[in-house]
Amino acid sequence: MSSKRAMKQAQKQAYARHRSNITQSRFNQKKINFTKKNKKN
């Protein structure tokens, strides 16, 4: 029983980390594109 709960928690944590990584990478990409555009001008 306890092992099942631990596995569920680990999955939740991994999913949360995965989601935060996606959002962070997207935000960073936008930042990079924004700076590139500014440098051109």
Protein backbone atom coordinates (compact mmCIF):
# COMPACT_ATOMS: atom_id res chain seq x y z
CA MET A 1 0.00 0.00 0.00
CA SER A 2 2.69 2.49 0.98
CA SER A 3 4.75 1.65 -2.11
CA LYS A 4 1.76 2.33 -4.37
CA ARG A 5 1.26 5.72 -2.73
CA ALA A 6 4.96 6.54 -3.12
CA MET A 7 4.83 5.61 -6.81
CA LYS A 8 1.80 7.85 -7.32
CA GLN A 9 3.53 10.74 -5.58
CA ALA A 10 6.68 10.24 -7.66
CA GLN A 11 4.60 10.28 -10.84
CA LYS A 12 2.87 13.49 -9.74
CA GLN A 13 6.20 15.14 -8.96
CA ALA A 14 7.72 14.06 -12.28
CA TYR A 15 4.66 15.37 -14.15
CA ALA A 16 4.77 18.70 -12.31
CA ARG A 17 8.49 19.05 -13.04
CA HIS A 18 7.83 18.17 -16.68
CA ARG A 19 5.12 20.83 -16.96
CA SER A 20 7.25 23.52 -15.30
CA ASN A 21 10.17 22.65 -17.59
CA ILE A 22 7.96 23.04 -20.67
CA THR A 23 6.65 26.43 -19.55
CA GLN A 24 10.14 27.65 -18.60
CA SER A 25 11.68 26.56 -21.91
CA ARG A 26 8.85 28.24 -23.84
CA PHE A 27 9.33 31.45 -21.88
CA ASN A 28 13.09 31.34 -22.45
CA GLN A 29 12.60 30.79 -26.18
CA LYS A 30 10.31 33.82 -26.36
CA LYS A 31 12.90 35.86 -24.45
CA ILE A 32 15.67 34.79 -26.85
CA ASN A 33 13.56 35.62 -29.90
CA PHE A 34 12.67 39.01 -28.41
CA THR A 35 16.30 39.91 -27.77
CA LYS A 36 17.31 38.78 -31.27
CA LYS A 37 14.65 41.00 -32.85
CA ASN A 38 15.80 43.96 -30.78
CA LYS A 39 19.43 43.45 -31.81
CA LYS A 40 18.46 43.48 -35.52
CA ASN A 41 16.75 46.83 -35.12
